[in-house]
Amino acid sequence: MRVLVVNAGSSSLKLSVLDGDDVVAQRHVERWDGTGGVAEFLADAPDVDAVGHRVVHGGPDFSGPVVLDAESRAAVERLTDLAPLHQPRALAGIDAATSALPDVPQVACFDTAFHHTMPGFATTYAVPARWRDEWGVRRYGFHGLSHAYASRRAGELAGGSRVVTCHLGAGCSLAAVRDGRSVDTTMGFTPLAGLVMATRSGDVDPGLLVWLLRDGKLSAAELEDDLEHRSGLLGLSGSADLRDVHRAGTPEAALAVEVFVHRLRQAIAAMVASLGGLDVLVFTGGVGEHDAAVRARTVEGLGFLGVAVDQERNAGRAGDEVISADGSSAAVVVVQAREDLEIAAGVRQAVG
């Protein structure tokens, strides 16, 4: 089966055609406003049998890939309030592909679906029952397509049943995976929670946010914009790109790296606690794959777990490989992010 994968981000569009696991055509639109791109790509691409769409939020009901029809598309649209940056772009990609390929099955693959296996005590916030029962407030988790692929690929390379996957890119999150099933993660009700990210704050004291709003220092719209677009590495150093932060050489840049790594170590230790131990630690995503210094500094701070990287392997890795030192209590693995493979697999599952 030949599958078109449509990965619509908040500001970019990645298109690829997979024949089996082989990419036979691809295009990346860096700045995508939700219009164009799909039909133009298909004009020169091979014919496809089905289309798979990455959809960030599946809410409480979508626990796996689903073939889209009018009803399921409407259900996806109703979740826009939970992911206002990403959901409209996913819908734009769905509509564009449906228009270009009206007779081809369209399948939605959800970033939240992988985390549906988390136990209730990991998904439940200690908030009033009305919040949970009437408004569906709970921890959903995100980056599930990446975590699912990375944990499975790491198992092929290193074995082990207790895996912590670190998806580190513009957005960052961790997942605790036991025997292929997510049991905990760092993101929550929205993709704003958890680790320090490129422009997103990660976890912040909710009392601080209440104080900012109550005292009129910021409006709700200003607060959301600051937390989503002006925080994280950008807020700490003036740059959202960790490569530029490393090169800056300023005190602010040094602090930004320290904060990023400190919060990452804390969260890894929390995921290990959720698993009751660690067999494999996985780095994936743009930062996870390419920033050897962040990997080394992160693992150095986890020495109490007995984890260690081999410096030569870490600095010289060129693909999916184990970089842990001989004698490390757990394997440390770097895996290329391949959400496209996970989406294509979901499409084949959904359409048989």
Protein backbone atom coordinates (compact mmCIF):
# COMPACT_ATOMS: atom_id res chain seq x y z
CA MET A 1 0.00 0.00 0.00
CA ARG A 2 1.35 3.42 -0.97
CA VAL A 3 0.50 6.07 1.65
CA LEU A 4 0.63 9.86 1.52
CA VAL A 5 1.57 11.20 4.97
CA VAL A 6 0.40 14.74 5.74
CA ASN A 7 2.12 16.16 8.83
CA ALA A 8 0.70 19.64 9.38
CA GLY A 9 2.39 21.61 12.15
CA SER A 10 1.37 24.95 13.58
CA SER A 11 3.46 26.74 10.93
CA SER A 12 4.91 24.05 8.64
CA LEU A 13 3.78 21.23 6.39
CA LYS A 14 5.63 17.96 5.78
CA LEU A 15 4.43 15.74 2.94
CA SER A 16 5.81 12.33 2.06
CA VAL A 17 4.77 9.28 0.06
CA LEU A 18 5.74 5.93 1.55
CA ASP A 19 5.82 2.71 -0.43
CA GLY A 20 6.19 0.22 2.38
CA ASP A 21 8.84 1.85 4.57
CA ASP A 22 10.55 3.60 1.66
CA VAL A 23 10.04 7.33 1.09
CA VAL A 24 9.52 7.76 -2.65
CA ALA A 25 8.58 11.47 -2.64
CA GLN A 26 8.64 14.23 -0.07
CA ARG A 27 8.32 17.97 0.40
CA HIS A 28 8.70 20.27 3.41
CA VAL A 29 7.00 23.67 3.45
CA GLU A 30 8.72 25.70 6.20
CA ARG A 31 6.15 28.49 6.43
CA TRP A 32 2.68 27.17 5.73
CA ASP A 33 -0.41 29.27 6.30
CA GLY A 34 -2.87 26.41 5.83
CA THR A 35 -3.43 26.98 2.12
CA GLY A 36 -1.83 25.34 -0.90
CA GLY A 37 0.95 22.79 -0.89
CA VAL A 38 -0.94 19.49 -1.01
CA ALA A 39 -2.39 19.62 -4.54
CA GLU A 40 0.86 20.99 -5.92
CA PHE A 41 2.84 18.16 -4.34
CA LEU A 42 0.43 15.52 -5.61
CA ALA A 43 0.73 16.81 -9.18
CA ASP A 44 4.24 15.33 -9.37
CA ALA A 45 3.98 12.58 -6.75
CA PRO A 46 3.18 8.89 -7.37
CA ASP A 47 -0.42 7.73 -7.02
CA VAL A 48 -1.41 6.76 -3.48
CA ASP A 49 -3.87 4.27 -2.01
CA ALA A 50 -4.60 6.13 1.24
CA VAL A 51 -3.71 9.31 3.13
CA GLY A 52 -2.61 9.54 6.75
CA HIS A 53 -2.87 12.79 8.72
CA ARG A 54 -1.09 13.68 11.93
CA VAL A 55 -3.66 15.22 14.27
CA VAL A 56 -2.31 16.60 17.54
CA HIS A 57 -5.41 16.20 19.73
CA GLY A 58 -7.77 13.25 19.76
CA GLY A 59 -9.52 14.13 23.01
CA PRO A 60 -10.87 11.38 25.28
CA ASP A 61 -12.51 9.35 22.51
CA PHE A 62 -9.96 8.74 19.74
CA SER A 63 -7.64 6.03 21.01
CA GLY A 64 -6.35 4.90 17.60
CA PRO A 65 -6.31 5.80 13.91
CA VAL A 66 -9.72 6.38 12.35
CA VAL A 67 -10.95 6.58 8.75
CA LEU A 68 -12.39 10.06 8.38
CA ASP A 69 -15.96 10.80 7.35
CA ALA A 70 -18.15 13.84 7.96
CA GLU A 71 -18.92 12.78 11.53
CA SER A 72 -15.35 12.03 12.60
CA ARG A 73 -14.03 15.17 10.92
CA ALA A 74 -16.57 17.23 12.86
CA ALA A 75 -15.43 15.51 16.07
CA VAL A 76 -11.82 16.48 15.30
CA GLU A 77 -12.90 20.08 14.69
CA ARG A 78 -14.70 20.22 18.03
CA LEU A 79 -11.34 19.64 19.75
CA THR A 80 -9.85 22.85 18.34
CA ASP A 81 -10.12 24.67 21.68
CA LEU A 82 -7.73 22.10 23.20
CA ALA A 83 -5.06 22.63 20.54
CA PRO A 84 -5.77 26.01 18.93
CA LEU A 85 -2.42 26.24 17.14
CA HIS A 86 -2.30 22.75 15.63
CA GLN A 87 -5.86 21.49 15.13
CA PRO A 88 -6.89 24.05 12.48
CA ARG A 89 -3.80 23.23 10.41
CA ALA A 90 -4.51 19.50 10.62
CA LEU A 91 -8.05 20.18 9.41
CA ALA A 92 -6.69 22.31 6.57
CA GLY A 93 -4.47 19.40 5.52
CA ILE A 94 -7.40 16.98 5.73
CA ASP A 95 -9.61 19.21 3.62
CA ALA A 96 -6.88 19.84 1.03
CA ALA A 97 -6.12 16.14 0.62
CA THR A 98 -9.80 15.21 0.52
CA SER A 99 -10.39 17.78 -2.20
CA ALA A 100 -7.41 16.57 -4.23
CA LEU A 101 -8.12 12.86 -3.67
CA PRO A 102 -11.88 12.54 -3.08
CA ASP A 103 -11.97 8.76 -3.66
CA VAL A 104 -8.97 7.90 -1.48
CA PRO A 105 -9.43 6.96 2.22
CA GLN A 106 -8.31 9.70 4.63
CA VAL A 107 -7.09 8.48 8.03
CA ALA A 108 -6.49 10.59 11.14
CA CYS A 109 -3.62 9.44 13.40
CA PHE A 110 -3.61 11.15 16.79
CA ASP A 111 -0.65 12.29 18.90
CA THR A 112 -2.70 11.69 22.05
CA ALA A 113 -3.74 8.11 21.19
CA PHE A 114 -0.54 6.41 22.39
CA HIS A 115 -1.10 7.80 25.89
CA HIS A 116 -4.60 6.35 26.27
CA THR A 117 -2.98 3.39 28.05
CA MET A 118 -1.86 5.58 30.97
CA PRO A 119 -3.50 4.55 34.26
CA GLY A 120 -6.10 6.80 35.85
CA PHE A 121 -3.78 7.99 38.58
CA ALA A 122 -1.39 9.31 35.90
CA THR A 123 -4.08 11.14 33.92
CA THR A 124 -6.11 12.66 36.76
CA TYR A 125 -5.61 16.19 38.05
CA ALA A 126 -6.46 16.95 41.67
CA VAL A 127 -9.04 19.60 40.71
CA PRO A 128 -12.77 19.93 41.46
CA ALA A 129 -14.90 17.09 40.10
CA ARG A 130 -16.86 19.58 37.98
CA TRP A 131 -13.69 20.37 36.01
CA ARG A 132 -13.13 16.71 35.25
CA ASP A 133 -16.73 15.64 34.68
CA GLU A 134 -18.15 18.62 32.78
CA TRP A 135 -15.11 20.00 30.98
CA GLY A 136 -13.00 16.88 30.45
CA VAL A 137 -9.98 18.25 32.30
CA ARG A 138 -7.29 15.55 32.45
CA ARG A 139 -3.77 14.82 31.28
CA TYR A 140 -3.75 13.71 27.64
CA GLY A 141 -0.08 13.73 26.65
CA PHE A 142 1.27 14.45 23.18
CA HIS A 143 4.03 13.50 20.71
CA GLY A 144 2.55 10.00 20.94
CA LEU A 145 3.39 9.09 17.34
CA SER A 146 7.05 9.89 17.98
CA HIS A 147 7.15 8.16 21.38
CA ALA A 148 5.50 5.04 19.97
CA TYR A 149 7.99 4.71 17.13
CA ALA A 150 11.05 5.63 19.23
CA SER A 151 10.24 3.14 21.98
CA ARG A 152 9.65 0.32 19.50
CA ARG A 153 12.80 1.11 17.49
CA ALA A 154 14.86 1.31 20.68
CA GLY A 155 13.56 -2.12 21.66
CA GLU A 156 14.85 -3.48 18.36
CA LEU A 157 18.28 -2.00 19.06
CA ALA A 158 18.68 -2.65 22.77
CA GLY A 159 15.81 -4.78 24.11
CA GLY A 160 14.39 -4.02 27.55
CA SER A 161 10.84 -3.44 28.76
CA ARG A 162 11.18 -0.18 30.74
CA VAL A 163 11.89 2.67 28.32
CA VAL A 164 12.02 6.44 28.74
CA THR A 165 11.71 8.25 25.42
CA CYS A 166 12.89 11.86 25.14
CA HIS A 167 11.34 13.72 22.20
CA LEU A 168 13.38 16.92 22.10
CA GLY A 169 12.72 19.46 19.36
CA ALA A 170 10.88 22.77 19.18
CA GLY A 171 8.37 20.97 21.39
CA CYS A 172 9.72 18.63 24.06
CA SER A 173 8.18 15.80 26.04
CA LEU A 174 9.08 12.52 27.70
CA ALA A 175 7.17 9.27 27.95
CA ALA A 176 7.54 6.34 30.31
CA VAL A 177 6.87 3.20 28.27
CA ARG A 178 6.51 -0.28 29.74
CA ASP A 179 6.25 -3.24 27.35
CA GLY A 180 5.30 -0.88 24.51
CA ARG A 181 2.54 0.93 26.43
CA SER A 182 2.66 4.50 27.72
CA VAL A 183 2.29 4.70 31.50
CA ASP A 184 3.28 8.35 32.07
CA THR A 185 4.30 11.47 30.17
CA THR A 186 5.30 15.08 30.83
CA MET A 187 2.76 17.00 28.75
CA GLY A 188 -0.74 17.38 30.12
CA PHE A 189 -4.09 18.89 29.17
CA THR A 190 -2.26 20.89 26.49
CA PRO A 191 1.17 20.66 24.80
CA LEU A 192 2.31 23.60 26.95
CA ALA A 193 3.09 21.52 30.04
CA GLY A 194 6.28 19.77 31.10
CA LEU A 195 9.78 20.53 29.83
CA VAL A 196 11.34 23.82 28.75
CA MET A 197 10.88 24.11 24.97
CA ALA A 198 11.94 26.45 22.16
CA THR A 199 9.29 29.11 22.83
CA ARG A 200 7.01 27.35 25.32
CA SER A 201 7.49 27.67 29.07
CA GLY A 202 6.74 24.15 30.21
CA ASP A 203 5.52 23.81 33.79
CA VAL A 204 4.90 27.08 35.64
CA ASP A 205 3.40 27.61 39.11
CA PRO A 206 -0.35 28.06 38.45
CA GLY A 207 -0.46 30.57 41.30
CA LEU A 208 1.89 32.80 39.32
CA LEU A 209 -0.49 32.75 36.36
CA VAL A 210 -3.47 33.57 38.60
CA TRP A 211 -1.47 36.47 40.10
CA LEU A 212 -0.63 37.88 36.66
CA LEU A 213 -4.30 37.76 35.62
CA ARG A 214 -5.82 38.90 38.92
CA ASP A 215 -3.59 41.94 39.20
CA GLY A 216 -4.27 42.92 35.59
CA LYS A 217 -0.64 42.69 34.55
CA LEU A 218 -1.61 40.57 31.53
CA SER A 219 -4.84 39.73 29.76
CA ALA A 220 -5.70 36.08 29.09
CA ALA A 221 -4.71 36.51 25.43
CA GLU A 222 -1.38 38.15 26.37
CA LEU A 223 -0.65 35.43 28.93
CA GLU A 224 -1.32 32.67 26.38
CA ASP A 225 0.85 34.40 23.77
CA ASP A 226 3.73 34.89 26.22
CA LEU A 227 3.65 31.28 27.44
CA GLU A 228 3.36 29.81 23.93
CA HIS A 229 5.57 32.15 21.88
CA ARG A 230 7.87 34.21 24.11
CA SER A 231 9.02 31.78 26.79
CA GLY A 232 11.26 28.72 26.88
CA LEU A 233 14.75 29.08 25.39
CA LEU A 234 13.64 32.27 23.64
CA GLY A 235 12.55 33.88 26.88
CA LEU A 236 15.73 32.84 28.66
CA SER A 237 18.34 33.63 26.01
CA GLY A 238 16.76 35.59 23.17
CA SER A 239 16.97 32.64 20.77
CA ALA A 240 14.59 29.71 20.30
CA ASP A 241 17.17 27.58 18.46
CA LEU A 242 19.42 25.61 20.81
CA ARG A 243 22.22 25.67 18.22
CA ASP A 244 22.27 29.47 18.41
CA VAL A 245 22.06 29.35 22.19
CA HIS A 246 25.19 27.16 22.34
CA ARG A 247 27.06 29.57 20.07
CA ALA A 248 26.00 32.76 21.84
CA GLY A 249 28.49 32.55 24.69
CA THR A 250 26.51 34.94 26.90
CA PRO A 251 25.57 34.44 30.56
CA GLU A 252 21.91 34.32 29.51
CA ALA A 253 22.63 31.57 26.98
CA ALA A 254 24.61 29.55 29.53
CA LEU A 255 21.74 29.82 31.99
CA ALA A 256 19.25 28.76 29.31
CA VAL A 257 21.17 25.54 28.65
CA GLU A 258 21.47 24.84 32.37
CA VAL A 259 17.73 25.34 32.91
CA PHE A 260 16.89 23.17 29.89
CA VAL A 261 19.13 20.30 31.04
CA HIS A 262 18.15 20.62 34.71
CA ARG A 263 14.44 20.30 33.94
CA LEU A 264 15.15 17.45 31.51
CA ARG A 265 17.09 15.46 34.14
CA GLN A 266 14.33 16.02 36.71
CA ALA A 267 11.68 14.77 34.31
CA ILE A 268 13.68 11.70 33.27
CA ALA A 269 14.08 10.74 36.93
CA ALA A 270 10.31 11.15 37.39
CA MET A 271 9.61 8.88 34.40
CA VAL A 272 12.03 6.28 35.79
CA ALA A 273 10.13 6.41 39.09
CA SER A 274 6.87 5.77 37.20
CA LEU A 275 8.46 2.69 35.61
CA GLY A 276 10.15 1.41 38.76
CA GLY A 277 13.49 1.30 36.96
CA LEU A 278 15.11 1.87 33.59
CA ASP A 279 16.28 -0.44 30.81
CA VAL A 280 16.58 2.01 27.90
CA LEU A 281 16.87 5.81 27.64
CA VAL A 282 16.05 7.11 24.14
CA PHE A 283 16.81 10.48 22.56
CA THR A 284 14.89 11.53 19.44
CA GLY A 285 13.69 14.71 17.70
CA GLY A 286 15.86 17.48 16.27
CA VAL A 287 17.69 18.26 19.52
CA GLY A 288 17.67 14.69 20.77
CA GLU A 289 19.22 13.37 17.55
CA HIS A 290 21.77 16.09 16.83
CA ASP A 291 22.86 17.73 20.10
CA ALA A 292 25.56 15.50 21.56
CA ALA A 293 26.37 18.05 24.29
CA VAL A 294 22.82 18.04 25.65
CA ARG A 295 22.77 14.22 25.63
CA ALA A 296 26.09 14.04 27.47
CA ARG A 297 25.21 16.67 30.08
CA THR A 298 21.81 15.13 30.68
CA VAL A 299 23.17 11.64 31.26
CA GLU A 300 26.04 12.93 33.42
CA GLY A 301 23.45 14.15 35.87
CA LEU A 302 21.83 10.71 35.99
CA GLY A 303 24.92 8.95 37.31
CA PHE A 304 23.02 7.96 40.45
CA LEU A 305 20.99 5.64 38.20
CA GLY A 306 24.17 4.02 36.89
CA VAL A 307 23.59 5.34 33.36
CA ALA A 308 26.56 6.50 31.30
CA VAL A 309 27.33 7.37 27.68
CA ASP A 310 30.46 6.56 25.73
CA GLN A 311 31.81 9.94 24.67
CA GLU A 312 33.16 8.74 21.31
CA ARG A 313 29.95 6.92 20.43
CA ASN A 314 27.90 9.92 21.51
CA ALA A 315 29.93 12.42 19.47
CA GLY A 316 30.23 10.20 16.40
CA ARG A 317 26.76 8.67 16.02
CA ALA A 318 25.44 8.83 12.49
CA GLY A 319 22.14 6.96 12.65
CA ASP A 320 20.02 4.88 15.00
CA GLU A 321 22.52 3.46 17.47
CA VAL A 322 23.39 2.65 21.06
CA ILE A 323 25.71 5.26 22.60
CA SER A 324 25.88 4.01 26.19
CA ALA A 325 29.20 3.18 27.80
CA ASP A 326 30.20 -0.39 28.54
CA GLY A 327 28.89 -1.23 31.98
CA SER A 328 26.04 1.29 31.89
CA SER A 329 23.08 0.07 33.92
CA ALA A 330 20.74 0.96 31.05
CA ALA A 331 21.20 1.35 27.32
CA VAL A 332 21.25 4.88 25.93
CA VAL A 333 19.98 5.02 22.35
CA VAL A 334 19.60 7.72 19.69
CA VAL A 335 16.75 7.18 17.23
CA GLN A 336 15.73 9.23 14.21
CA ALA A 337 12.21 10.62 14.58
CA ARG A 338 10.00 8.81 12.08
CA GLU A 339 6.42 9.86 12.71
CA ASP A 340 5.80 9.18 9.02
CA LEU A 341 6.39 5.44 9.52
CA GLU A 342 4.08 5.40 12.54
CA ILE A 343 1.35 7.24 10.62
CA ALA A 344 1.68 4.92 7.61
CA ALA A 345 1.38 1.90 9.91
CA GLY A 346 -1.74 3.44 11.46
CA VAL A 347 -3.24 3.96 8.00
CA ARG A 348 -2.69 0.32 7.06
CA GLN A 349 -4.27 -0.74 10.35
CA ALA A 350 -7.30 1.47 9.82
CA VAL A 351 -8.03 0.57 6.21
CA GLY A 352 -6.97 -3.07 6.41
